Amino acid sequence: MTRRVQGKIALVTGGANGIGRACARLLAAEGAQVVISDIDEVEGQALAQEIGAAAVFVRHDASSEHDWQQVMVFIGERYGRLDILFNNAGILRKGSIEEASLEDWHKVLRINSDSVFLGCREAIALMKATGGSIINMSSIAALAGRADYLAYSASKGAVAALSRSVAVHCRQRKYRIRCNTLHPDSVLTDMTRASWPVGLDPARMTIDSDPMQRTCLPEDVAASVLFLASDESRAINGVELRVDSGQLLMSI
């Protein structure tokens, strides 16, 4: 490891599983002190113990304003600053415009979009004195749209637009805080696997088996998070980075 985020303080929401878990491991391996936040206490605690002294777990409902405030108090008291925020917490719900319920719509936007609004707002208060990097998880669905995942597509579109606004706001106020979005296509996690047909071999759906496949691994996304978290990306702000193996271009 090259210690690309040595000494930085990072918060990874939805950090107990999937992409968040891969990012927490990589950021810690590259020198960061990582706060793993999630509602899954069992997996979150286990991951923090696995990583060791470079990680700590806090229970955190990312859609709760109160929880965000408490997490930021914890980080401020323990570390005195925050350098990296990866807003990763999210859910996936299937349903087209004719199938989706208002309840599902509200739940998806609350967890996927409200959490990012709250995270950005609270992080800026802690970051603005010293600067930092905010990385928000969006999706290729925000750019192309998915007919069968209406609420999810809308929630990720909101994340992209919000992030551009945050990037401009921070630059105008000379905060040295940059804000970028990641737009993966399909990523092999437990959450996405649950929506696949029964009996389908996930290994056959990844770019490792066939470059024409659209599914990548959580570690592929984590590598992009590491770059945007590091000082190597200090001139990159307001960018929508696609991690999709060219899938969006193939659909044009």
Foldseek 3Di string as FASTA:
>chain_A
DQLQPAPAEEEQEVLLFFLNVLLQLVNVVSHAQYEYEYQPPVSQCVSQVVSPPSYDYDYAQLLDLVRLVVVLVVCCVPPVAHAEYEADWFAFDWAAPVGDDPVNLVVRLSGLASSLVSNLVSRCVRQQVPEHEYEYEAAVCCVVNDRGGHSNNVSSVNVLVVQLVSQVVCVVVVSLYAGEYEHAYAEDTPRRVVVDDPPDDVVCQECVNPLPHFYYYSNLVSVVSSCRRGCVCSVPHSYYHYPTSCPVVVVD
